[in-house]
Amino acid sequence: MTTLLKQSAAALLAPLTGLSEAELAARLEYPPEEALGDLSFPCFPLAKTLRQAPNVIAAALAARLNSAAEMASSKVAAPIIRWHADAAGGFLNLKAVGTGWMDALLREAESPKLGQLPDGAGKRVIIDYSSPNIAKPFGVGHLRSTVIGRALANLHRTAGWDVVTVNHLGDWGTQFGKLIAAYKHWGDRAALEADPIGESLKLYVRFHEEAENAPELVDEGRAWFRRLEQGDAEARELWDYFIRESLKEFQRIYSRLGVSFDHLLGESFYNDKMEETVDRLRRAGLLEASDGASVVRLDEEGMPPCLILKSDGSTIYGARDLATALYRREQMRGDKLLYVVGAEQTLHFRQVFRVLEKLDASWSEVERVHTPFGLMKMEGKKMSTRRGKVVFLEEVLDEAKQRALAVIEGKTPDLPGKEDVAEAVGTGAIVFGDLRNRRMLEVDFNLEEMVSMEGETGPYLQYTHARARSLLRRAAELGWTAPLLQEAKDRSDAESGQPGECAPSADASTGSQGKANPASEADSLHIAAYLWPAKDLEVLDAPAARACLLKLGQYSEALRAALREHEPSVLARYLLELAKAYNRFYNSGKILGTAAVAGPSEVLSTDEDAALSAQAAAAAKLRLSAAAASVLRHGLTLLGIGTPNKI
C-alpha cells in the first residue's frame, strides 16, 4: 500500500511514461525542500527508453500534466486530486493543488480503518520475544527484545496478520544446576522467600566467584543438573520454586510495560520432543559424528556444523530450537516464524533455519526471520548477570515515574490522576528511548537521557498528543457541538448548492449521535468526523498546516516500511516528524481564532459571511488537530506507549 498522493500521481503518470502504477509509486520521492513540491519523479530511468535527455523528458511531462485534460484524469476514490507540475533538471516536481487532496488525507486519518494494511490477511505469524532467564533479574538488557517484539507484534496485527506471541523462557540448562548447588552451600530459605530474584542473583554471582578458586563447584553444578534431568525430587522442587517466584516478578514488570503473551513456553516445554527431533534428523541422514558429538554439517552453506548432541548424548540449543520451530509450524500452524533475539545469535539461527530446509524442503515455504538487535551496555560495557553488573528494569521504571511526577507537580499540580499519568509518561520515556534507535545499534544505557522530558523523547510525543486533545476540549467548552457545526454547514451548502457530508460519530460518553458534551474528552467531541466540504479547507494551504497534512499522509507508508524492515524505529522517527510538524502548525497562529471569542453560536448571529468564514477556518484547523492527535495516538499505541489526554 502506497500513500494516497503517490497513488494518485502514479495513476496520472502511468499512461504518459509506459511504466506501471506500482513501479511509478515506488520511484516517486519526497523533495528535500518544501518549495520544490510534494512529490518528485526522477526522469533519468526513462532517458534510455525514450532516447531523450532527462531534463527534456521532465519538461515535456510537466507541460502535459499542467493541461486541464490531464489534470481531470487523476482520481482516487471520490475526491479529485489535482496537480501542478514543474521541471527542475531531470526531475519532475509535483504539487497537489486545490483542497480535494486535503479532504482525502483528513478522511484517511478520520477513518476507523486508520493504519490497517492488507498484507497479512489469512496468515499467522508466531513471534518469539522477551524470553528472560528464570531466577535472574529482569534487567534493562531484557528491555530491547521485549519492546521491539511487542511493537512488531502490533505492527503485524495492524497489517492483518493473525499474531501469536510466545515468551520462550530460559527455564532449563546447566545454570540451574549451578543455582541449586549454590543454594545448597549458602542459601537461606527465608531470605529467598523474601526476595526470590535478588537472593537468586546473589547466589548465582557467588557461585561464579567461588568457582574461580574452587573448580570442583562446576562439577557439582553439572551433577545437580543431571539429577534435575533425571527427575530427582529435591532438584525438581527447587527448580519449580525458582520458576514460580520468577514468573511473579516478571509479571509485575510486564504489567507495567503493558506487555502480555499468548503463550509462556519455556525451554523445558520441549524436553519430551527432543528425542523425536533427533530421530527425524537421523532418519533423514543428516546426523554425523564429530569428536564424539553429533552434528549436521553445513559445509556447502559456508557455515560451521550445527551441534545437535554433545559427546555425553545430551541435547544442546541447536536441537532445542529445531524442536521449537517444528512445534510452531506443525502444532501452532505458523506461516511465519519471527525471533526477536540478540545479534550475537545470528549464526545460530542461520544454522537452524538451514537445517530445517535440509530436513524438509517444504520449509522454504515458511518465512523464518531472525530479527537481531544490538546490545544494551552500561558505561560502554556489556551487562553481566554472572558478575552482578545489571541494572534492574523495575528500578529504572520507578525512577522514570518519579521524574515525570516531579515535572507534573511543577507544572500542573492539580492534574487528576497524576500518579497514573506519571507512570504512563515515565514508562513511555523508557520504551521510546529504546525504540527510537535502529535496532542493530548498540545502546549505551543512560538513565538521564532516556527519561529526559526534552528533545526527541517519548514524553515529547505524549505532550504533543495531549496538546492537541486539550485544544479539542477547549473547542467543546466554547460550544463547538455537532448541531452548531451542522447549522453552519447547512447554510454553507445552501449557498453553494453542493451538499457535503457532516456525520458526527456516536458520542463516547453519552451514547447518543452527535450530542457532544462540552465538558467531555476529545473522544466525545469527534471534530474529526465533521467532514466539512473541501472548499472550506483553504486555510490549510498555509505552509505549516500544509506540511502537517502531508506528513499525516505518509503514515501508511511509515507503517509499511517498519513492517517490511522489522524496524520499529521507522515508526518512531515518523511520529517525531509528525509531532514537530504539528507543533509548528500549532504555533503558527491561532487555531480557534475570532470564532473562539464568544463561541460559534454568537458568531453566527453577527455578520453571516464573516461568521461562516471564521467558522470554516476554525473547523478546518480543529479537524487537522484531531487528525494529528488520532495518528499520534495510533502510532504510539503500536509502539506500546500510553497517550494520556492531559499532562
Foldseek 3Di string as FASTA:
>chain_A
DAFPVLLLVLVLCCVVQVDHSVVSSVQWDQDPDVVLAGIKHQQVVSCVVVVHALQVSLVVVQVVLPDPVSQQPRDDPPFRWGWHWDGDHNMIHIHTDFQSVLLVLLVQLLDPLNLAAQVAAPAAEEEEFLAEEFLAFSFCQSLLRQLLRLLLQLLVVSDHHHYAYERAHNLADLLLLLLVLLCVVDNDVVVCVVPVSVRSLVSLLVSVVVCVVVVVSSVSSVVLNVCVVVPPPVSVVVSVVRRVVRVVVVVVVCVLLVDDGNYYHYLVNCVVVLVVLVVLCVVLVQWDDDPQFTWGQDVVVVAHTHTAADNVGDGDPLSSVLSVVCCCCPPVVHLEYEYEEAPVCVSSVVNSLVSVCSSPVCSVRRHYYYNHFAGAAEPPHGADSNNPRGHRPVVLLVVLLVVLLVVCCVPPVPDPPSSVVSSQLSSQLQLLLNQLDWRHDYHYDDSCNSSDCDDLGRVLLLVLLLVLFVVLLLLLLLPLFLVLLVVLLVVVCVVVVNRDDAFADQAPVPRHGRGAHSNDTNSRRRLLRGSRDSNLQPLCVPVLSVQLSSLSSCQNVLSVVCNVSSRSSSLSVSSSVNSVSVVCVVPVDDQLPPCSPRHLVVLCVPDNVVSSSSVSSNSNSSNSSVSSSSSSCVSCVSSSRDRDNHD
